[in-house]
């Protein structure tokens, strides 16, 4: 699943996002790119769960354009 996280614009924000999401049940792996704001998550996790978790830490997300 790919999400766009517009506030994820530096290495620090990537660390915050990935540290928080790696412990979410169902997340197997993830990759975040600060230059594009893109977050790629692999695993059996529901998009709504990821959005809720991101919003809780101040990084609201939107689906990426495919």
PDB file of N, CA and C in Angstrom:
ATOM      1  N   UNK A   1       0.839  -1.158   0.000  1.00  0.00           N
ATOM      2  CA  UNK A   1       0.000   0.000   0.000  1.00  0.00           C
ATOM      3  C   UNK A   1       0.898   1.240   0.000  1.00  0.00           C
ATOM      4  N   UNK A   2       0.482   2.223  -0.765  1.00  0.00           N
ATOM      5  CA  UNK A   2       1.244   3.475  -0.834  1.00  0.00           C
ATOM      6  C   UNK A   2       0.380   4.616  -0.324  1.00  0.00           C
ATOM      7  N   UNK A   3       0.997   5.454   0.499  1.00  0.00           N
ATOM      8  CA  UNK A   3       0.332   6.644   1.019  1.00  0.00           C
ATOM      9  C   UNK A   3       1.229   7.845   0.805  1.00  0.00           C
ATOM     10  N   UNK A   4       0.611   8.990   0.638  1.00  0.00           N
ATOM     11  CA  UNK A   4       1.347  10.244   0.544  1.00  0.00           C
ATOM     12  C   UNK A   4       1.231  10.942   1.895  1.00  0.00           C
ATOM     13  N   UNK A   5       2.381  11.281   2.478  1.00  0.00           N
ATOM     14  CA  UNK A   5       2.423  11.928   3.787  1.00  0.00           C
ATOM     15  C   UNK A   5       3.090  13.296   3.595  1.00  0.00           C
ATOM     16  N   UNK A   6       2.288  14.332   3.327  1.00  0.00           N
ATOM     17  CA  UNK A   6       2.857  15.625   2.956  1.00  0.00           C
ATOM     18  C   UNK A   6       3.766  16.276   3.997  1.00  0.00           C
ATOM     19  N   UNK A   7       3.556  15.986   5.272  1.00  0.00           N
ATOM     20  CA  UNK A   7       4.396  16.610   6.311  1.00  0.00           C
ATOM     21  C   UNK A   7       5.697  15.845   6.553  1.00  0.00           C
ATOM     22  N   UNK A   8       5.898  14.722   5.900  1.00  0.00           N
ATOM     23  CA  UNK A   8       7.109  13.915   6.056  1.00  0.00           C
ATOM     24  C   UNK A   8       8.145  14.434   5.053  1.00  0.00           C
ATOM     25  N   UNK A   9       8.895  15.453   5.474  1.00  0.00           N
ATOM     26  CA  UNK A   9       9.774  16.161   4.528  1.00  0.00           C
ATOM     27  C   UNK A   9      11.260  16.125   4.897  1.00  0.00           C
ATOM     28  N   UNK A  10      11.612  15.443   5.981  1.00  0.00           N
ATOM     29  CA  UNK A  10      13.021  15.386   6.385  1.00  0.00           C
ATOM     30  C   UNK A  10      13.316  14.025   7.019  1.00  0.00           C
ATOM     31  N   UNK A  11      14.595  13.773   7.262  1.00  0.00           N
ATOM     32  CA  UNK A  11      14.988  12.484   7.843  1.00  0.00           C
ATOM     33  C   UNK A  11      14.383  12.271   9.226  1.00  0.00           C
ATOM     34  N   UNK A  12      14.280  13.339  10.005  1.00  0.00           N
ATOM     35  CA  UNK A  12      13.696  13.215  11.336  1.00  0.00           C
ATOM     36  C   UNK A  12      12.245  12.758  11.242  1.00  0.00           C
ATOM     37  N   UNK A  13      11.480  13.342  10.345  1.00  0.00           N
ATOM     38  CA  UNK A  13      10.075  12.940  10.221  1.00  0.00           C
ATOM     39  C   UNK A  13       9.954  11.498   9.709  1.00  0.00           C
ATOM     40  N   UNK A  14      10.864  11.088   8.836  1.00  0.00           N
ATOM     41  CA  UNK A  14      10.875   9.697   8.372  1.00  0.00           C
ATOM     42  C   UNK A  14      11.126   8.761   9.550  1.00  0.00           C
ATOM     43  N   UNK A  15      12.061   9.120  10.408  1.00  0.00           N
ATOM     44  CA  UNK A  15      12.356   8.286  11.587  1.00  0.00           C
ATOM     45  C   UNK A  15      11.150   8.198  12.517  1.00  0.00           C
ATOM     46  N   UNK A  16      10.475   9.310  12.742  1.00  0.00           N
ATOM     47  CA  UNK A  16       9.302   9.318  13.617  1.00  0.00           C
ATOM     48  C   UNK A  16       8.211   8.412  13.045  1.00  0.00           C
ATOM     49  N   UNK A  17       7.916   8.591  11.759  1.00  0.00           N
ATOM     50  CA  UNK A  17       6.858   7.813  11.112  1.00  0.00           C
ATOM     51  C   UNK A  17       7.190   6.325  11.111  1.00  0.00           C
ATOM     52  N   UNK A  18       8.390   5.972  10.678  1.00  0.00           N
ATOM     53  CA  UNK A  18       8.728   4.551  10.581  1.00  0.00           C
ATOM     54  C   UNK A  18       8.835   3.899  11.957  1.00  0.00           C
ATOM     55  N   UNK A  19       9.358   4.610  12.944  1.00  0.00           N
ATOM     56  CA  UNK A  19       9.455   4.049  14.290  1.00  0.00           C
ATOM     57  C   UNK A  19       8.070   3.757  14.856  1.00  0.00           C
ATOM     58  N   UNK A  20       7.129   4.625  14.582  1.00  0.00           N
ATOM     59  CA  UNK A  20       5.770   4.421  15.097  1.00  0.00           C
ATOM     60  C   UNK A  20       5.052   3.297  14.351  1.00  0.00           C
ATOM     61  N   UNK A  21       5.157   3.285  13.032  1.00  0.00           N
ATOM     62  CA  UNK A  21       4.381   2.330  12.238  1.00  0.00           C
ATOM     63  C   UNK A  21       4.935   0.910  12.256  1.00  0.00           C
ATOM     64  N   UNK A  22       6.213   0.734  12.505  1.00  0.00           N
ATOM     65  CA  UNK A  22       6.759  -0.623  12.454  1.00  0.00           C
ATOM     66  C   UNK A  22       6.184  -1.523  13.537  1.00  0.00           C
ATOM     67  N   UNK A  23       5.606  -0.939  14.593  1.00  0.00           N
ATOM     68  CA  UNK A  23       5.013  -1.731  15.669  1.00  0.00           C
ATOM     69  C   UNK A  23       3.504  -1.925  15.510  1.00  0.00           C
ATOM     70  N   UNK A  24       2.927  -1.389  14.433  1.00  0.00           N
ATOM     71  CA  UNK A  24       1.496  -1.560  14.197  1.00  0.00           C
ATOM     72  C   UNK A  24       1.250  -3.005  13.754  1.00  0.00           C
ATOM     73  N   UNK A  25       0.305  -3.704  14.379  1.00  0.00           N
ATOM     74  CA  UNK A  25       0.023  -5.086  13.987  1.00  0.00           C
ATOM     75  C   UNK A  25      -0.308  -5.195  12.496  1.00  0.00           C
ATOM     76  N   UNK A  26       0.321  -6.151  11.831  1.00  0.00           N
ATOM     77  CA  UNK A  26       0.091  -6.375  10.409  1.00  0.00           C
ATOM     78  C   UNK A  26       1.138  -5.763   9.506  1.00  0.00           C
ATOM     79  N   UNK A  27       1.917  -4.811  10.008  1.00  0.00           N
ATOM     80  CA  UNK A  27       2.968  -4.196   9.194  1.00  0.00           C
ATOM     81  C   UNK A  27       4.160  -5.141   9.151  1.00  0.00           C
ATOM     82  N   UNK A  28       4.501  -5.601   7.940  1.00  0.00           N
ATOM     83  CA  UNK A  28       5.652  -6.492   7.772  1.00  0.00           C
ATOM     84  C   UNK A  28       6.916  -5.708   7.443  1.00  0.00           C
ATOM     85  N   UNK A  29       6.781  -4.725   6.565  1.00  0.00           N
ATOM     86  CA  UNK A  29       7.912  -3.866   6.230  1.00  0.00           C
ATOM     87  C   UNK A  29       7.384  -2.537   5.732  1.00  0.00           C
ATOM     88  N   UNK A  30       8.240  -1.529   5.774  1.00  0.00           N
ATOM     89  CA  UNK A  30       7.846  -0.227   5.263  1.00  0.00           C
ATOM     90  C   UNK A  30       9.063   0.545   4.797  1.00  0.00           C
ATOM     91  N   UNK A  31       8.796   1.468   3.893  1.00  0.00           N
ATOM     92  CA  UNK A  31       9.838   2.333   3.359  1.00  0.00           C
ATOM     93  C   UNK A  31       9.249   3.726   3.219  1.00  0.00           C
ATOM     94  N   UNK A  32       9.972   4.721   3.708  1.00  0.00           N
ATOM     95  CA  UNK A  32       9.510   6.099   3.627  1.00  0.00           C
ATOM     96  C   UNK A  32      10.553   6.937   2.890  1.00  0.00           C
ATOM     97  N   UNK A  33      10.089   7.845   2.041  1.00  0.00           N
ATOM     98  CA  UNK A  33      10.969   8.701   1.255  1.00  0.00           C
ATOM     99  C   UNK A  33      10.602  10.159   1.523  1.00  0.00           C
ATOM    100  N   UNK A  34      11.484  10.875   2.208  1.00  0.00           N
ATOM    101  CA  UNK A  34      11.218  12.269   2.554  1.00  0.00           C
ATOM    102  C   UNK A  34      11.180  13.176   1.332  1.00  0.00           C
ATOM    103  N   UNK A  35      11.925  12.845   0.291  1.00  0.00           N
ATOM    104  CA  UNK A  35      11.963  13.712  -0.888  1.00  0.00           C
ATOM    105  C   UNK A  35      10.645  13.720  -1.658  1.00  0.00           C
ATOM    106  N   UNK A  36       9.877  12.630  -1.544  1.00  0.00           N
ATOM    107  CA  UNK A  36       8.595  12.552  -2.248  1.00  0.00           C
ATOM    108  C   UNK A  36       7.403  12.531  -1.292  1.00  0.00           C
ATOM    109  N   UNK A  37       7.647  12.281  -0.012  1.00  0.00           N
ATOM    110  CA  UNK A  37       6.574  12.163   0.958  1.00  0.00           C
ATOM    111  C   UNK A  37       5.830  10.851   0.845  1.00  0.00           C
ATOM    112  N   UNK A  38       6.415   9.897   0.127  1.00  0.00           N
ATOM    113  CA  UNK A  38       5.742   8.623  -0.102  1.00  0.00           C
ATOM    114  C   UNK A  38       6.105   7.608   0.972  1.00  0.00           C
ATOM    115  N   UNK A  39       5.079   6.885   1.399  1.00  0.00           N
ATOM    116  CA  UNK A  39       5.238   5.825   2.373  1.00  0.00           C
ATOM    117  C   UNK A  39       4.701   4.544   1.751  1.00  0.00           C
ATOM    118  N   UNK A  40       5.533   3.513   1.694  1.00  0.00           N
ATOM    119  CA  UNK A  40       5.124   2.208   1.159  1.00  0.00           C
ATOM    120  C   UNK A  40       5.107   1.210   2.310  1.00  0.00           C
ATOM    121  N   UNK A  41       3.975   0.555   2.491  1.00  0.00           N
ATOM    122  CA  UNK A  41       3.807  -0.388   3.589  1.00  0.00           C
ATOM    123  C   UNK A  41       3.400  -1.742   3.021  1.00  0.00           C
ATOM    124  N   UNK A  42       4.073  -2.795   3.483  1.00  0.00           N
ATOM    125  CA  UNK A  42       3.754  -4.165   3.085  1.00  0.00           C
ATOM    126  C   UNK A  42       3.240  -4.893   4.316  1.00  0.00           C
ATOM    127  N   UNK A  43       2.164  -5.630   4.136  1.00  0.00           N
ATOM    128  CA  UNK A  43       1.625  -6.427   5.225  1.00  0.00           C
ATOM    129  C   UNK A  43       0.120  -6.456   5.212  1.00  0.00           C
ATOM    130  N   UNK A  44      -0.432  -7.194   6.148  1.00  0.00           N
ATOM    131  CA  UNK A  44      -1.881  -7.346   6.266  1.00  0.00           C
ATOM    132  C   UNK A  44      -2.423  -6.293   7.224  1.00  0.00           C
ATOM    133  N   UNK A  45      -2.338  -5.064   6.800  1.00  0.00           N
ATOM    134  CA  UNK A  45      -2.807  -3.947   7.618  1.00  0.00           C
ATOM    135  C   UNK A  45      -3.817  -3.143   6.801  1.00  0.00           C
ATOM    136  N   UNK A  46      -4.823  -2.635   7.461  1.00  0.00           N
ATOM    137  CA  UNK A  46      -5.884  -1.877   6.801  1.00  0.00           C
ATOM    138  C   UNK A  46      -5.446  -0.419   6.654  1.00  0.00           C
ATOM    139  N   UNK A  47      -5.741   0.168   5.492  1.00  0.00           N
ATOM    140  CA  UNK A  47      -5.357   1.555   5.235  1.00  0.00           C
ATOM    141  C   UNK A  47      -5.899   2.503   6.300  1.00  0.00           C
ATOM    142  N   UNK A  48      -7.118   2.292   6.724  1.00  0.00           N
ATOM    143  CA  UNK A  48      -7.710   3.169   7.742  1.00  0.00           C
ATOM    144  C   UNK A  48      -6.907   3.137   9.043  1.00  0.00           C
ATOM    145  N   UNK A  49      -6.365   1.992   9.374  1.00  0.00           N
ATOM    146  CA  UNK A  49      -5.532   1.872  10.569  1.00  0.00           C
ATOM    147  C   UNK A  49      -4.272   2.705  10.426  1.00  0.00           C
ATOM    148  N   UNK A  50      -3.623   2.612   9.264  1.00  0.00           N
ATOM    149  CA  UNK A  50      -2.415   3.407   9.042  1.00  0.00           C
ATOM    150  C   UNK A  50      -2.723   4.889   9.093  1.00  0.00           C
ATOM    151  N   UNK A  51      -3.810   5.305   8.458  1.00  0.00           N
ATOM    152  CA  UNK A  51      -4.187   6.723   8.475  1.00  0.00           C
ATOM    153  C   UNK A  51      -4.433   7.206   9.907  1.00  0.00           C
ATOM    154  N   UNK A  52      -5.119   6.400  10.696  1.00  0.00           N
ATOM    155  CA  UNK A  52      -5.401   6.760  12.087  1.00  0.00           C
ATOM    156  C   UNK A  52      -4.096   6.885  12.876  1.00  0.00           C
ATOM    157  N   UNK A  53      -3.197   5.934  12.706  1.00  0.00           N
ATOM    158  CA  UNK A  53      -1.911   5.965  13.413  1.00  0.00           C
ATOM    159  C   UNK A  53      -1.077   7.178  12.993  1.00  0.00           C
ATOM    160  N   UNK A  54      -1.056   7.473  11.703  1.00  0.00           N
ATOM    161  CA  UNK A  54      -0.307   8.634  11.218  1.00  0.00           C
ATOM    162  C   UNK A  54      -0.895   9.936  11.749  1.00  0.00           C
ATOM    163  N   UNK A  55      -2.195  10.059  11.728  1.00  0.00           N
ATOM    164  CA  UNK A  55      -2.849  11.273  12.227  1.00  0.00           C
ATOM    165  C   UNK A  55      -2.559  11.458  13.728  1.00  0.00           C
ATOM    166  N   UNK A  56      -2.495  10.351  14.464  1.00  0.00           N
ATOM    167  CA  UNK A  56      -2.259  10.416  15.902  1.00  0.00           C
ATOM    168  C   UNK A  56      -0.887  11.003  16.239  1.00  0.00           C
ATOM    169  N   UNK A  57       0.066  10.859  15.317  1.00  0.00           N
ATOM    170  CA  UNK A  57       1.410  11.406  15.565  1.00  0.00           C
ATOM    171  C   UNK A  57       1.663  12.685  14.774  1.00  0.00           C
ATOM    172  N   UNK A  58       0.598  13.256  14.192  1.00  0.00           N
ATOM    173  CA  UNK A  58       0.730  14.549  13.513  1.00  0.00           C
ATOM    174  C   UNK A  58       1.144  14.478  12.067  1.00  0.00           C
ATOM    175  N   UNK A  59       0.982  13.322  11.425  1.00  0.00           N
ATOM    176  CA  UNK A  59       1.346  13.156  10.010  1.00  0.00           C
ATOM    177  C   UNK A  59       0.169  12.591   9.217  1.00  0.00           C
ATOM    178  N   UNK A  60      -0.880  13.402   9.005  1.00  0.00           N
ATOM    179  CA  UNK A  60      -2.020  12.890   8.224  1.00  0.00           C
ATOM    180  C   UNK A  60      -1.596  12.489   6.825  1.00  0.00           C
ATOM    181  N   UNK A  61      -2.241  11.455   6.291  1.00  0.00           N
ATOM    182  CA  UNK A  61      -1.857  10.900   4.986  1.00  0.00           C
ATOM    183  C   UNK A  61      -3.016  10.912   4.010  1.00  0.00           C
ATOM    184  N   UNK A  62      -2.651  10.772   2.748  1.00  0.00           N
ATOM    185  CA  UNK A  62      -3.622  10.656   1.665  1.00  0.00           C
ATOM    186  C   UNK A  62      -3.130   9.560   0.731  1.00  0.00           C
ATOM    187  N   UNK A  63      -4.032   8.901  -0.011  1.00  0.00           N
ATOM    188  CA  UNK A  63      -3.576   7.889  -0.968  1.00  0.00           C
ATOM    189  C   UNK A  63      -2.733   8.547  -2.062  1.00  0.00           C
ATOM    190  N   UNK A  64      -1.746   7.822  -2.556  1.00  0.00           N
ATOM    191  CA  UNK A  64      -0.941   8.342  -3.659  1.00  0.00           C
ATOM    192  C   UNK A  64      -1.675   8.111  -4.968  1.00  0.00           C
ATOM    193  N   UNK A  65      -1.337   8.906  -5.944  1.00  0.00           N
ATOM    194  CA  UNK A  65      -1.876   8.715  -7.285  1.00  0.00           C
ATOM    195  C   UNK A  65      -1.121   7.574  -7.942  1.00  0.00           C
ATOM    196  N   UNK A  66      -1.825   6.667  -8.589  1.00  0.00           N
ATOM    197  CA  UNK A  66      -1.142   5.542  -9.251  1.00  0.00           C
ATOM    198  C   UNK A  66      -1.210   5.699 -10.731  1.00  0.00           C
TER     199      UNK A  66
END
